[in-house]
Amino acid sequence: MGGASDIARGDEAAQSSDGHAINLCGKTTLRQLAAMIDGAALVVTADSTPMHMAAAHDVPLVALFGPTSLVRTGPFGHLDDVLRLDLECAPCYLRKLRQCPHQHRCMADLTVDRVFAEVVARLP
């Protein structure tokens, strides 16, 4: 799920999932997003509105943080659900790749295997 600007990335992710994912970017309303989150077994998201919605609904969560501060914008009551790398340069708030002198290592180095392990650990 995501906005219209996420459609291309969503298509790429769905295609690489061997049919296990559906791209709903740009195809859902905020109300539909809330309903899907409320019915989810677990939500994996970045520092975003869906993260806060999942936290508010007490849905199990893996929140990926890079250049932002979990103390400042983390999921209220769910800071233990944040996955981030402990890098000297973070948080820096340099969200655009061209601004970051480290090529967004804070996100790029959060491997699929690491995220997957966090997901498995939190599944009911």
PDB file of N, CA and C in Angstrom:
ATOM      1  N   MET A   1       0.845  -1.168   0.000  1.00  0.00           N
ATOM      2  CA  MET A   1       0.000   0.000   0.000  1.00  0.00           C
ATOM      3  C   MET A   1       0.890   1.229   0.000  1.00  0.00           C
ATOM      4  N   GLY A   2       0.407   2.273  -0.591  1.00  0.00           N
ATOM      5  CA  GLY A   2       1.144   3.526  -0.642  1.00  0.00           C
ATOM      6  C   GLY A   2       0.414   4.506  -1.530  1.00  0.00           C
ATOM      7  N   GLY A   3       1.033   5.642  -1.725  1.00  0.00           N
ATOM      8  CA  GLY A   3       0.448   6.666  -2.569  1.00  0.00           C
ATOM      9  C   GLY A   3       0.759   6.439  -4.039  1.00  0.00           C
ATOM     10  N   ALA A   4       0.222   7.326  -4.871  1.00  0.00           N
ATOM     11  CA  ALA A   4       0.435   7.213  -6.313  1.00  0.00           C
ATOM     12  C   ALA A   4       1.915   7.301  -6.676  1.00  0.00           C
ATOM     13  N   SER A   5       2.695   8.049  -5.895  1.00  0.00           N
ATOM     14  CA  SER A   5       4.126   8.175  -6.189  1.00  0.00           C
ATOM     15  C   SER A   5       4.889   6.875  -5.905  1.00  0.00           C
ATOM     16  N   ASP A   6       4.251   5.918  -5.244  1.00  0.00           N
ATOM     17  CA  ASP A   6       4.887   4.640  -4.905  1.00  0.00           C
ATOM     18  C   ASP A   6       4.532   3.510  -5.867  1.00  0.00           C
ATOM     19  N   ILE A   7       3.744   3.803  -6.900  1.00  0.00           N
ATOM     20  CA  ILE A   7       3.248   2.747  -7.799  1.00  0.00           C
ATOM     21  C   ILE A   7       4.383   1.959  -8.443  1.00  0.00           C
ATOM     22  N   ALA A   8       5.390   2.633  -8.975  1.00  0.00           N
ATOM     23  CA  ALA A   8       6.492   1.927  -9.652  1.00  0.00           C
ATOM     24  C   ALA A   8       7.236   1.008  -8.692  1.00  0.00           C
ATOM     25  N   ARG A   9       7.523   1.487  -7.485  1.00  0.00           N
ATOM     26  CA  ARG A   9       8.203   0.640  -6.496  1.00  0.00           C
ATOM     27  C   ARG A   9       7.317  -0.527  -6.077  1.00  0.00           C
ATOM     28  N   GLY A  10       6.029  -0.264  -5.944  1.00  0.00           N
ATOM     29  CA  GLY A  10       5.093  -1.330  -5.596  1.00  0.00           C
ATOM     30  C   GLY A  10       5.027  -2.397  -6.670  1.00  0.00           C
ATOM     31  N   ASP A  11       5.013  -1.962  -7.937  1.00  0.00           N
ATOM     32  CA  ASP A  11       5.031  -2.926  -9.054  1.00  0.00           C
ATOM     33  C   ASP A  11       6.283  -3.785  -8.996  1.00  0.00           C
ATOM     34  N   GLU A  12       7.418  -3.159  -8.736  1.00  0.00           N
ATOM     35  CA  GLU A  12       8.687  -3.884  -8.662  1.00  0.00           C
ATOM     36  C   GLU A  12       8.660  -4.912  -7.526  1.00  0.00           C
ATOM     37  N   ALA A  13       8.158  -4.504  -6.379  1.00  0.00           N
ATOM     38  CA  ALA A  13       8.092  -5.418  -5.236  1.00  0.00           C
ATOM     39  C   ALA A  13       7.131  -6.571  -5.510  1.00  0.00           C
ATOM     40  N   ALA A  14       5.983  -6.270  -6.089  1.00  0.00           N
ATOM     41  CA  ALA A  14       4.992  -7.310  -6.382  1.00  0.00           C
ATOM     42  C   ALA A  14       5.542  -8.309  -7.395  1.00  0.00           C
ATOM     43  N   GLN A  15       6.238  -7.822  -8.408  1.00  0.00           N
ATOM     44  CA  GLN A  15       6.795  -8.712  -9.431  1.00  0.00           C
ATOM     45  C   GLN A  15       7.886  -9.608  -8.863  1.00  0.00           C
ATOM     46  N   SER A  16       8.647  -9.105  -7.907  1.00  0.00           N
ATOM     47  CA  SER A  16       9.734  -9.906  -7.337  1.00  0.00           C
ATOM     48  C   SER A  16       9.248 -10.856  -6.250  1.00  0.00           C
ATOM     49  N   SER A  17       7.949 -10.825  -5.928  1.00  0.00           N
ATOM     50  CA  SER A  17       7.429 -11.662  -4.846  1.00  0.00           C
ATOM     51  C   SER A  17       6.879 -12.997  -5.328  1.00  0.00           C
ATOM     52  N   ASP A  18       7.056 -13.317  -6.595  1.00  0.00           N
ATOM     53  CA  ASP A  18       6.550 -14.577  -7.157  1.00  0.00           C
ATOM     54  C   ASP A  18       5.048 -14.752  -6.915  1.00  0.00           C
ATOM     55  N   GLY A  19       4.298 -13.663  -7.046  1.00  0.00           N
ATOM     56  CA  GLY A  19       2.855 -13.737  -6.899  1.00  0.00           C
ATOM     57  C   GLY A  19       2.345 -13.694  -5.477  1.00  0.00           C
ATOM     58  N   HIS A  20       3.230 -13.443  -4.506  1.00  0.00           N
ATOM     59  CA  HIS A  20       2.821 -13.419  -3.108  1.00  0.00           C
ATOM     60  C   HIS A  20       2.451 -12.020  -2.618  1.00  0.00           C
ATOM     61  N   ALA A  21       2.546 -11.023  -3.469  1.00  0.00           N
ATOM     62  CA  ALA A  21       2.222  -9.647  -3.075  1.00  0.00           C
ATOM     63  C   ALA A  21       1.375  -8.989  -4.156  1.00  0.00           C
ATOM     64  N   ILE A  22       0.546  -8.083  -3.729  1.00  0.00           N
ATOM     65  CA  ILE A  22      -0.303  -7.310  -4.634  1.00  0.00           C
ATOM     66  C   ILE A  22       0.012  -5.846  -4.418  1.00  0.00           C
ATOM     67  N   ASN A  23       0.226  -5.114  -5.491  1.00  0.00           N
ATOM     68  CA  ASN A  23       0.504  -3.683  -5.398  1.00  0.00           C
ATOM     69  C   ASN A  23      -0.808  -2.913  -5.282  1.00  0.00           C
ATOM     70  N   LEU A  24      -1.031  -2.309  -4.124  1.00  0.00           N
ATOM     71  CA  LEU A  24      -2.220  -1.487  -3.906  1.00  0.00           C
ATOM     72  C   LEU A  24      -1.870   0.003  -3.839  1.00  0.00           C
ATOM     73  N   CYS A  25      -0.658   0.347  -4.243  1.00  0.00           N
ATOM     74  CA  CYS A  25      -0.238   1.755  -4.221  1.00  0.00           C
ATOM     75  C   CYS A  25      -1.129   2.581  -5.142  1.00  0.00           C
ATOM     76  N   GLY A  26      -1.643   3.679  -4.599  1.00  0.00           N
ATOM     77  CA  GLY A  26      -2.494   4.567  -5.374  1.00  0.00           C
ATOM     78  C   GLY A  26      -3.898   4.047  -5.590  1.00  0.00           C
ATOM     79  N   LYS A  27      -4.253   2.915  -4.950  1.00  0.00           N
ATOM     80  CA  LYS A  27      -5.553   2.287  -5.203  1.00  0.00           C
ATOM     81  C   LYS A  27      -6.441   2.210  -3.961  1.00  0.00           C
ATOM     82  N   THR A  28      -5.996   2.767  -2.854  1.00  0.00           N
ATOM     83  CA  THR A  28      -6.787   2.686  -1.631  1.00  0.00           C
ATOM     84  C   THR A  28      -6.998   4.070  -1.033  1.00  0.00           C
ATOM     85  N   THR A  29      -8.103   4.210  -0.350  1.00  0.00           N
ATOM     86  CA  THR A  29      -8.358   5.435   0.398  1.00  0.00           C
ATOM     87  C   THR A  29      -7.737   5.279   1.786  1.00  0.00           C
ATOM     88  N   LEU A  30      -7.677   6.359   2.522  1.00  0.00           N
ATOM     89  CA  LEU A  30      -7.154   6.310   3.884  1.00  0.00           C
ATOM     90  C   LEU A  30      -8.018   5.402   4.765  1.00  0.00           C
ATOM     91  N   ARG A  31      -9.308   5.450   4.561  1.00  0.00           N
ATOM     92  CA  ARG A  31     -10.230   4.597   5.322  1.00  0.00           C
ATOM     93  C   ARG A  31      -9.991   3.117   4.998  1.00  0.00           C
ATOM     94  N   GLN A  32      -9.777   2.788   3.717  1.00  0.00           N
ATOM     95  CA  GLN A  32      -9.489   1.407   3.332  1.00  0.00           C
ATOM     96  C   GLN A  32      -8.151   0.949   3.920  1.00  0.00           C
ATOM     97  N   LEU A  33      -7.169   1.846   3.910  1.00  0.00           N
ATOM     98  CA  LEU A  33      -5.866   1.541   4.502  1.00  0.00           C
ATOM     99  C   LEU A  33      -6.039   1.204   5.978  1.00  0.00           C
ATOM    100  N   ALA A  34      -6.802   2.008   6.697  1.00  0.00           N
ATOM    101  CA  ALA A  34      -7.035   1.764   8.129  1.00  0.00           C
ATOM    102  C   ALA A  34      -7.707   0.413   8.352  1.00  0.00           C
ATOM    103  N   ALA A  35      -8.665   0.067   7.505  1.00  0.00           N
ATOM    104  CA  ALA A  35      -9.358  -1.215   7.637  1.00  0.00           C
ATOM    105  C   ALA A  35      -8.406  -2.384   7.380  1.00  0.00           C
ATOM    106  N   MET A  36      -7.524  -2.251   6.385  1.00  0.00           N
ATOM    107  CA  MET A  36      -6.571  -3.321   6.098  1.00  0.00           C
ATOM    108  C   MET A  36      -5.563  -3.469   7.236  1.00  0.00           C
ATOM    109  N   ILE A  37      -5.106  -2.354   7.776  1.00  0.00           N
ATOM    110  CA  ILE A  37      -4.172  -2.414   8.900  1.00  0.00           C
ATOM    111  C   ILE A  37      -4.846  -3.058  10.103  1.00  0.00           C
ATOM    112  N   ASP A  38      -6.081  -2.678  10.376  1.00  0.00           N
ATOM    113  CA  ASP A  38      -6.808  -3.216  11.522  1.00  0.00           C
ATOM    114  C   ASP A  38      -6.980  -4.731  11.416  1.00  0.00           C
ATOM    115  N   GLY A  39      -7.067  -5.252  10.198  1.00  0.00           N
ATOM    116  CA  GLY A  39      -7.238  -6.688  10.005  1.00  0.00           C
ATOM    117  C   GLY A  39      -5.943  -7.444   9.764  1.00  0.00           C
ATOM    118  N   ALA A  40      -4.824  -6.757   9.804  1.00  0.00           N
ATOM    119  CA  ALA A  40      -3.532  -7.388   9.501  1.00  0.00           C
ATOM    120  C   ALA A  40      -2.989  -8.176  10.693  1.00  0.00           C
ATOM    121  N   ALA A  41      -2.264  -9.234  10.390  1.00  0.00           N
ATOM    122  CA  ALA A  41      -1.564  -9.992  11.429  1.00  0.00           C
ATOM    123  C   ALA A  41      -0.320  -9.242  11.870  1.00  0.00           C
ATOM    124  N   LEU A  42       0.273  -8.465  10.950  1.00  0.00           N
ATOM    125  CA  LEU A  42       1.488  -7.707  11.221  1.00  0.00           C
ATOM    126  C   LEU A  42       1.654  -6.674  10.118  1.00  0.00           C
ATOM    127  N   VAL A  43       2.204  -5.520  10.450  1.00  0.00           N
ATOM    128  CA  VAL A  43       2.450  -4.463   9.472  1.00  0.00           C
ATOM    129  C   VAL A  43       3.944  -4.158   9.444  1.00  0.00           C
ATOM    130  N   VAL A  44       4.518  -4.144   8.244  1.00  0.00           N
ATOM    131  CA  VAL A  44       5.899  -3.706   8.037  1.00  0.00           C
ATOM    132  C   VAL A  44       5.813  -2.385   7.299  1.00  0.00           C
ATOM    133  N   THR A  45       6.430  -1.354   7.859  1.00  0.00           N
ATOM    134  CA  THR A  45       6.309  -0.025   7.290  1.00  0.00           C
ATOM    135  C   THR A  45       7.518   0.825   7.647  1.00  0.00           C
ATOM    136  N   ALA A  46       7.665   1.903   6.936  1.00  0.00           N
ATOM    137  CA  ALA A  46       8.661   2.900   7.293  1.00  0.00           C
ATOM    138  C   ALA A  46       8.025   3.883   8.272  1.00  0.00           C
ATOM    139  N   ASP A  47       8.751   4.907   8.656  1.00  0.00           N
ATOM    140  CA  ASP A  47       8.245   5.982   9.511  1.00  0.00           C
ATOM    141  C   ASP A  47       7.201   6.737   8.703  1.00  0.00           C
ATOM    142  N   SER A  48       5.920   6.433   8.956  1.00  0.00           N
ATOM    143  CA  SER A  48       4.859   6.935   8.086  1.00  0.00           C
ATOM    144  C   SER A  48       3.503   6.897   8.792  1.00  0.00           C
ATOM    145  N   THR A  49       2.503   7.408   8.116  1.00  0.00           N
ATOM    146  CA  THR A  49       1.141   7.363   8.641  1.00  0.00           C
ATOM    147  C   THR A  49       0.685   5.929   8.918  1.00  0.00           C
ATOM    148  N   PRO A  50       0.903   4.967   7.997  1.00  0.00           N
ATOM    149  CA  PRO A  50       0.491   3.592   8.317  1.00  0.00           C
ATOM    150  C   PRO A  50       1.149   3.047   9.591  1.00  0.00           C
ATOM    151  N   MET A  51       2.371   3.458   9.881  1.00  0.00           N
ATOM    152  CA  MET A  51       3.035   3.025  11.106  1.00  0.00           C
ATOM    153  C   MET A  51       2.244   3.508  12.320  1.00  0.00           C
ATOM    154  N   HIS A  52       1.856   4.780  12.300  1.00  0.00           N
ATOM    155  CA  HIS A  52       1.115   5.337  13.424  1.00  0.00           C
ATOM    156  C   HIS A  52      -0.276   4.709  13.534  1.00  0.00           C
ATOM    157  N   MET A  53      -0.876   4.387  12.413  1.00  0.00           N
ATOM    158  CA  MET A  53      -2.186   3.728  12.430  1.00  0.00           C
ATOM    159  C   MET A  53      -2.068   2.337  13.055  1.00  0.00           C
ATOM    160  N   ALA A  54      -1.048   1.587  12.671  1.00  0.00           N
ATOM    161  CA  ALA A  54      -0.849   0.246  13.230  1.00  0.00           C
ATOM    162  C   ALA A  54      -0.610   0.327  14.731  1.00  0.00           C
ATOM    163  N   ALA A  55       0.207   1.278  15.160  1.00  0.00           N
ATOM    164  CA  ALA A  55       0.467   1.439  16.596  1.00  0.00           C
ATOM    165  C   ALA A  55      -0.814   1.798  17.343  1.00  0.00           C
ATOM    166  N   ALA A  56      -1.610   2.672  16.776  1.00  0.00           N
ATOM    167  CA  ALA A  56      -2.854   3.087  17.420  1.00  0.00           C
ATOM    168  C   ALA A  56      -3.848   1.939  17.534  1.00  0.00           C
ATOM    169  N   HIS A  57      -3.789   1.010  16.589  1.00  0.00           N
ATOM    170  CA  HIS A  57      -4.694  -0.147  16.595  1.00  0.00           C
ATOM    171  C   HIS A  57      -4.081  -1.353  17.309  1.00  0.00           C
ATOM    172  N   ASP A  58      -2.878  -1.176  17.875  1.00  0.00           N
ATOM    173  CA  ASP A  58      -2.152  -2.260  18.553  1.00  0.00           C
ATOM    174  C   ASP A  58      -1.942  -3.472  17.666  1.00  0.00           C
ATOM    175  N   VAL A  59      -1.677  -3.226  16.393  1.00  0.00           N
ATOM    176  CA  VAL A  59      -1.354  -4.288  15.448  1.00  0.00           C
ATOM    177  C   VAL A  59       0.153  -4.541  15.539  1.00  0.00           C
ATOM    178  N   PRO A  60       0.587  -5.799  15.612  1.00  0.00           N
ATOM    179  CA  PRO A  60       2.025  -6.071  15.616  1.00  0.00           C
ATOM    180  C   PRO A  60       2.709  -5.341  14.451  1.00  0.00           C
ATOM    181  N   LEU A  61       3.912  -4.859  14.707  1.00  0.00           N
ATOM    182  CA  LEU A  61       4.531  -3.886  13.819  1.00  0.00           C
ATOM    183  C   LEU A  61       6.035  -4.082  13.739  1.00  0.00           C
ATOM    184  N   VAL A  62       6.580  -3.892  12.538  1.00  0.00           N
ATOM    185  CA  VAL A  62       8.014  -3.724  12.348  1.00  0.00           C
ATOM    186  C   VAL A  62       8.158  -2.403  11.597  1.00  0.00           C
ATOM    187  N   ALA A  63       8.646  -1.389  12.300  1.00  0.00           N
ATOM    188  CA  ALA A  63       8.783  -0.046  11.736  1.00  0.00           C
ATOM    189  C   ALA A  63      10.246   0.205  11.390  1.00  0.00           C
ATOM    190  N   LEU A  64      10.518   0.417  10.112  1.00  0.00           N
ATOM    191  CA  LEU A  64      11.884   0.618   9.635  1.00  0.00           C
ATOM    192  C   LEU A  64      12.239   2.093   9.718  1.00  0.00           C
ATOM    193  N   PHE A  65      13.298   2.395  10.456  1.00  0.00           N
ATOM    194  CA  PHE A  65      13.739   3.779  10.611  1.00  0.00           C
ATOM    195  C   PHE A  65      15.142   3.944  10.060  1.00  0.00           C
ATOM    196  N   GLY A  66      15.362   5.036   9.372  1.00  0.00           N
ATOM    197  CA  GLY A  66      16.672   5.374   8.831  1.00  0.00           C
ATOM    198  C   GLY A  66      17.086   6.757   9.281  1.00  0.00           C
ATOM    199  N   PRO A  67      16.797   7.786   8.464  1.00  0.00           N
ATOM    200  CA  PRO A  67      17.275   9.124   8.776  1.00  0.00           C
ATOM    201  C   PRO A  67      16.443   9.881   9.807  1.00  0.00           C
ATOM    202  N   THR A  68      15.354   9.302  10.288  1.00  0.00           N
ATOM    203  CA  THR A  68      14.523  10.006  11.262  1.00  0.00           C
ATOM    204  C   THR A  68      14.742   9.430  12.660  1.00  0.00           C
ATOM    205  N   SER A  69      14.280  10.156  13.665  1.00  0.00           N
ATOM    206  CA  SER A  69      14.488   9.775  15.058  1.00  0.00           C
ATOM    207  C   SER A  69      13.286   9.029  15.604  1.00  0.00           C
ATOM    208  N   LEU A  70      13.523   7.840  16.151  1.00  0.00           N
ATOM    209  CA  LEU A  70      12.424   7.083  16.735  1.00  0.00           C
ATOM    210  C   LEU A  70      11.878   7.788  17.966  1.00  0.00           C
ATOM    211  N   VAL A  71      12.693   8.564  18.663  1.00  0.00           N
ATOM    212  CA  VAL A  71      12.225   9.293  19.833  1.00  0.00           C
ATOM    213  C   VAL A  71      11.279  10.420  19.419  1.00  0.00           C
ATOM    214  N   ARG A  72      11.569  11.038  18.312  1.00  0.00           N
ATOM    215  CA  ARG A  72      10.772  12.179  17.851  1.00  0.00           C
ATOM    216  C   ARG A  72       9.519  11.757  17.076  1.00  0.00           C
ATOM    217  N   THR A  73       9.643  10.759  16.209  1.00  0.00           N
ATOM    218  CA  THR A  73       8.512  10.404  15.341  1.00  0.00           C
ATOM    219  C   THR A  73       8.131   8.928  15.404  1.00  0.00           C
ATOM    220  N   GLY A  74       8.673   8.216  16.373  1.00  0.00           N
ATOM    221  CA  GLY A  74       8.403   6.782  16.471  1.00  0.00           C
ATOM    222  C   GLY A  74       6.963   6.464  16.817  1.00  0.00           C
ATOM    223  N   PRO A  75       6.585   5.196  16.685  1.00  0.00           N
ATOM    224  CA  PRO A  75       5.209   4.784  16.957  1.00  0.00           C
ATOM    225  C   PRO A  75       4.926   4.834  18.459  1.00  0.00           C
ATOM    226  N   PHE A  76       4.015   5.688  18.859  1.00  0.00           N
ATOM    227  CA  PHE A  76       3.698   5.901  20.270  1.00  0.00           C
ATOM    228  C   PHE A  76       3.344   4.589  20.949  1.00  0.00           C
ATOM    229  N   GLY A  77       4.051   4.300  22.017  1.00  0.00           N
ATOM    230  CA  GLY A  77       3.799   3.078  22.761  1.00  0.00           C
ATOM    231  C   GLY A  77       4.381   1.823  22.146  1.00  0.00           C
ATOM    232  N   HIS A  78       5.078   1.965  21.033  1.00  0.00           N
ATOM    233  CA  HIS A  78       5.609   0.797  20.321  1.00  0.00           C
ATOM    234  C   HIS A  78       7.059   1.012  19.890  1.00  0.00           C
ATOM    235  N   LEU A  79       7.836   1.731  20.680  1.00  0.00           N
ATOM    236  CA  LEU A  79       9.218   1.999  20.284  1.00  0.00           C
ATOM    237  C   LEU A  79      10.047   0.727  20.178  1.00  0.00           C
ATOM    238  N   ASP A  80       9.652  -0.324  20.891  1.00  0.00           N
ATOM    239  CA  ASP A  80      10.367  -1.609  20.775  1.00  0.00           C
ATOM    240  C   ASP A  80      10.143  -2.275  19.428  1.00  0.00           C
ATOM    241  N   ASP A  81       9.175  -1.790  18.666  1.00  0.00           N
ATOM    242  CA  ASP A  81       8.876  -2.354  17.356  1.00  0.00           C
ATOM    243  C   ASP A  81       9.644  -1.675  16.232  1.00  0.00           C
ATOM    244  N   VAL A  82      10.545  -0.767  16.592  1.00  0.00           N
ATOM    245  CA  VAL A  82      11.346  -0.049  15.601  1.00  0.00           C
ATOM    246  C   VAL A  82      12.598  -0.850  15.286  1.00  0.00           C
ATOM    247  N   LEU A  83      12.883  -0.994  14.007  1.00  0.00           N
ATOM    248  CA  LEU A  83      14.112  -1.635  13.538  1.00  0.00           C
ATOM    249  C   LEU A  83      14.964  -0.566  12.875  1.00  0.00           C
ATOM    250  N   ARG A  84      16.138  -0.356  13.415  1.00  0.00           N
ATOM    251  CA  ARG A  84      17.043   0.647  12.861  1.00  0.00           C
ATOM    252  C   ARG A  84      18.474   0.224  13.126  1.00  0.00           C
ATOM    253  N   LEU A  85      19.375   0.760  12.332  1.00  0.00           N
ATOM    254  CA  LEU A  85      20.788   0.509  12.537  1.00  0.00           C
ATOM    255  C   LEU A  85      21.334   1.584  13.448  1.00  0.00           C
ATOM    256  N   ASP A  86      22.225   1.213  14.330  1.00  0.00           N
ATOM    257  CA  ASP A  86      22.828   2.167  15.247  1.00  0.00           C
ATOM    258  C   ASP A  86      24.052   2.796  14.570  1.00  0.00           C
ATOM    259  N   LEU A  87      23.793   3.812  13.738  1.00  0.00           N
ATOM    260  CA  LEU A  87      24.865   4.482  13.004  1.00  0.00           C
ATOM    261  C   LEU A  87      25.142   5.844  13.618  1.00  0.00           C
ATOM    262  N   GLU A  88      26.383   6.228  13.581  1.00  0.00           N
ATOM    263  CA  GLU A  88      26.807   7.512  14.151  1.00  0.00           C
ATOM    264  C   GLU A  88      26.108   8.698  13.483  1.00  0.00           C
ATOM    265  N   CYS A  89      25.787   8.566  12.216  1.00  0.00           N
ATOM    266  CA  CYS A  89      25.215   9.683  11.454  1.00  0.00           C
ATOM    267  C   CYS A  89      23.696   9.811  11.592  1.00  0.00           C
ATOM    268  N   ALA A  90      23.053   8.852  12.234  1.00  0.00           N
ATOM    269  CA  ALA A  90      21.586   8.880  12.333  1.00  0.00           C
ATOM    270  C   ALA A  90      21.157   9.290  13.736  1.00  0.00           C
ATOM    271  N   PRO A  91      20.103  10.047  13.880  1.00  0.00           N
ATOM    272  CA  PRO A  91      19.257  10.573  12.806  1.00  0.00           C
ATOM    273  C   PRO A  91      19.856  11.832  12.193  1.00  0.00           C
ATOM    274  N   CYS A  92      19.628  11.983  10.914  1.00  0.00           N
ATOM    275  CA  CYS A  92      20.148  13.156  10.210  1.00  0.00           C
ATOM    276  C   CYS A  92      19.047  13.935   9.492  1.00  0.00           C
ATOM    277  N   TYR A  93      17.915  13.281   9.256  1.00  0.00           N
ATOM    278  CA  TYR A  93      16.758  13.868   8.570  1.00  0.00           C
ATOM    279  C   TYR A  93      17.040  14.208   7.107  1.00  0.00           C
ATOM    280  N   LEU A  94      18.100  13.642   6.526  1.00  0.00           N
ATOM    281  CA  LEU A  94      18.387  13.830   5.097  1.00  0.00           C
ATOM    282  C   LEU A  94      17.650  12.730   4.344  1.00  0.00           C
ATOM    283  N   ARG A  95      16.401  12.992   4.014  1.00  0.00           N
ATOM    284  CA  ARG A  95      15.546  11.957   3.412  1.00  0.00           C
ATOM    285  C   ARG A  95      15.846  11.697   1.950  1.00  0.00           C
ATOM    286  N   LYS A  96      16.410  12.657   1.252  1.00  0.00           N
ATOM    287  CA  LYS A  96      16.691  12.479  -0.173  1.00  0.00           C
ATOM    288  C   LYS A  96      18.089  11.884  -0.338  1.00  0.00           C
ATOM    289  N   LEU A  97      18.179  10.845  -1.149  1.00  0.00           N
ATOM    290  CA  LEU A  97      19.443  10.137  -1.343  1.00  0.00           C
ATOM    291  C   LEU A  97      20.553  11.074  -1.782  1.00  0.00           C
ATOM    292  N   ARG A  98      20.234  12.019  -2.651  1.00  0.00           N
ATOM    293  CA  ARG A  98      21.289  12.914  -3.151  1.00  0.00           C
ATOM    294  C   ARG A  98      21.831  13.841  -2.064  1.00  0.00           C
ATOM    295  N   GLN A  99      21.113  13.999  -0.964  1.00  0.00           N
ATOM    296  CA  GLN A  99      21.573  14.840   0.139  1.00  0.00           C
ATOM    297  C   GLN A  99      22.476  14.081   1.106  1.00  0.00           C
ATOM    298  N   CYS A 100      22.367  12.777   1.142  1.00  0.00           N
ATOM    299  CA  CYS A 100      23.058  11.965   2.144  1.00  0.00           C
ATOM    300  C   CYS A 100      24.467  11.597   1.686  1.00  0.00           C
ATOM    301  N   PRO A 101      25.481  11.969   2.465  1.00  0.00           N
ATOM    302  CA  PRO A 101      26.855  11.616   2.083  1.00  0.00           C
ATOM    303  C   PRO A 101      27.160  10.129   2.259  1.00  0.00           C
ATOM    304  N   HIS A 102      26.256   9.388   2.902  1.00  0.00           N
ATOM    305  CA  HIS A 102      26.479   7.967   3.166  1.00  0.00           C
ATOM    306  C   HIS A 102      25.589   7.060   2.315  1.00  0.00           C
ATOM    307  N   GLN A 103      24.953   7.605   1.279  1.00  0.00           N
ATOM    308  CA  GLN A 103      24.102   6.825   0.365  1.00  0.00           C
ATOM    309  C   GLN A 103      22.978   6.089   1.094  1.00  0.00           C
ATOM    310  N   HIS A 104      22.459   6.716   2.128  1.00  0.00           N
ATOM    311  CA  HIS A 104      21.365   6.165   2.941  1.00  0.00           C
ATOM    312  C   HIS A 104      21.663   4.758   3.452  1.00  0.00           C
ATOM    313  N   ARG A 105      22.876   4.572   3.956  1.00  0.00           N
ATOM    314  CA  ARG A 105      23.242   3.285   4.570  1.00  0.00           C
ATOM    315  C   ARG A 105      22.249   2.877   5.645  1.00  0.00           C
ATOM    316  N   CYS A 106      21.680   3.878   6.310  1.00  0.00           N
ATOM    317  CA  CYS A 106      20.745   3.600   7.400  1.00  0.00           C
ATOM    318  C   CYS A 106      19.542   2.795   6.928  1.00  0.00           C
ATOM    319  N   MET A 107      19.183   2.910   5.668  1.00  0.00           N
ATOM    320  CA  MET A 107      18.089   2.113   5.116  1.00  0.00           C
ATOM    321  C   MET A 107      18.619   0.987   4.227  1.00  0.00           C
ATOM    322  N   ALA A 108      19.604   1.300   3.405  1.00  0.00           N
ATOM    323  CA  ALA A 108      20.131   0.315   2.455  1.00  0.00           C
ATOM    324  C   ALA A 108      20.718  -0.909   3.158  1.00  0.00           C
ATOM    325  N   ASP A 109      21.289  -0.710   4.348  1.00  0.00           N
ATOM    326  CA  ASP A 109      21.904  -1.821   5.065  1.00  0.00           C
ATOM    327  C   ASP A 109      20.932  -2.586   5.962  1.00  0.00           C
ATOM    328  N   LEU A 110      19.662  -2.176   5.988  1.00  0.00           N
ATOM    329  CA  LEU A 110      18.639  -2.985   6.657  1.00  0.00           C
ATOM    330  C   LEU A 110      18.253  -4.080   5.663  1.00  0.00           C
ATOM    331  N   THR A 111      18.886  -5.215   5.772  1.00  0.00           N
ATOM    332  CA  THR A 111      18.723  -6.277   4.778  1.00  0.00           C
ATOM    333  C   THR A 111      17.347  -6.941   4.875  1.00  0.00           C
ATOM    334  N   VAL A 112      16.941  -7.551   3.781  1.00  0.00           N
ATOM    335  CA  VAL A 112      15.695  -8.302   3.751  1.00  0.00           C
ATOM    336  C   VAL A 112      15.738  -9.401   4.811  1.00  0.00           C
ATOM    337  N   ASP A 113      16.866 -10.062   4.967  1.00  0.00           N
ATOM    338  CA  ASP A 113      16.980 -11.128   5.963  1.00  0.00           C
ATOM    339  C   ASP A 113      16.766 -10.598   7.383  1.00  0.00           C
ATOM    340  N   ARG A 114      17.305  -9.438   7.664  1.00  0.00           N
ATOM    341  CA  ARG A 114      17.142  -8.849   9.000  1.00  0.00           C
ATOM    342  C   ARG A 114      15.684  -8.464   9.253  1.00  0.00           C
ATOM    343  N   VAL A 115      15.064  -7.846   8.261  1.00  0.00           N
ATOM    344  CA  VAL A 115      13.653  -7.466   8.388  1.00  0.00           C
ATOM    345  C   VAL A 115      12.800  -8.718   8.537  1.00  0.00           C
ATOM    346  N   PHE A 116      13.073  -9.730   7.720  1.00  0.00           N
ATOM    347  CA  PHE A 116      12.310 -10.975   7.785  1.00  0.00           C
ATOM    348  C   PHE A 116      12.418 -11.615   9.166  1.00  0.00           C
ATOM    349  N   ALA A 117      13.612 -11.623   9.737  1.00  0.00           N
ATOM    350  CA  ALA A 117      13.797 -12.197  11.078  1.00  0.00           C
ATOM    351  C   ALA A 117      12.961 -11.450  12.108  1.00  0.00           C
ATOM    352  N   GLU A 118      12.879 -10.138  11.989  1.00  0.00           N
ATOM    353  CA  GLU A 118      12.049  -9.346  12.896  1.00  0.00           C
ATOM    354  C   GLU A 118      10.566  -9.663  12.707  1.00  0.00           C
ATOM    355  N   VAL A 119      10.161  -9.832  11.469  1.00  0.00           N
ATOM    356  CA  VAL A 119       8.769 -10.171  11.174  1.00  0.00           C
ATOM    357  C   VAL A 119       8.413 -11.516  11.801  1.00  0.00           C
ATOM    358  N   VAL A 120       9.238 -12.521  11.572  1.00  0.00           N
ATOM    359  CA  VAL A 120       8.976 -13.854  12.111  1.00  0.00           C
ATOM    360  C   VAL A 120       8.918 -13.821  13.643  1.00  0.00           C
ATOM    361  N   ALA A 121       9.791 -13.036  14.257  1.00  0.00           N
ATOM    362  CA  ALA A 121       9.829 -12.956  15.720  1.00  0.00           C
ATOM    363  C   ALA A 121       8.554 -12.319  16.287  1.00  0.00           C
ATOM    364  N   ARG A 122       7.870 -11.496  15.497  1.00  0.00           N
ATOM    365  CA  ARG A 122       6.697 -10.784  16.000  1.00  0.00           C
ATOM    366  C   ARG A 122       5.366 -11.412  15.582  1.00  0.00           C
ATOM    367  N   LEU A 123       5.401 -12.371  14.696  1.00  0.00           N
ATOM    368  CA  LEU A 123       4.140 -12.995  14.264  1.00  0.00           C
ATOM    369  C   LEU A 123       3.520 -13.763  15.421  1.00  0.00           C
ATOM    370  N   PRO A 124       2.191 -13.659  15.535  1.00  0.00           N
ATOM    371  CA  PRO A 124       1.514 -14.379  16.617  1.00  0.00           C
ATOM    372  C   PRO A 124       1.572 -15.885  16.417  1.00  0.00           C
TER     373      PRO A 124
END
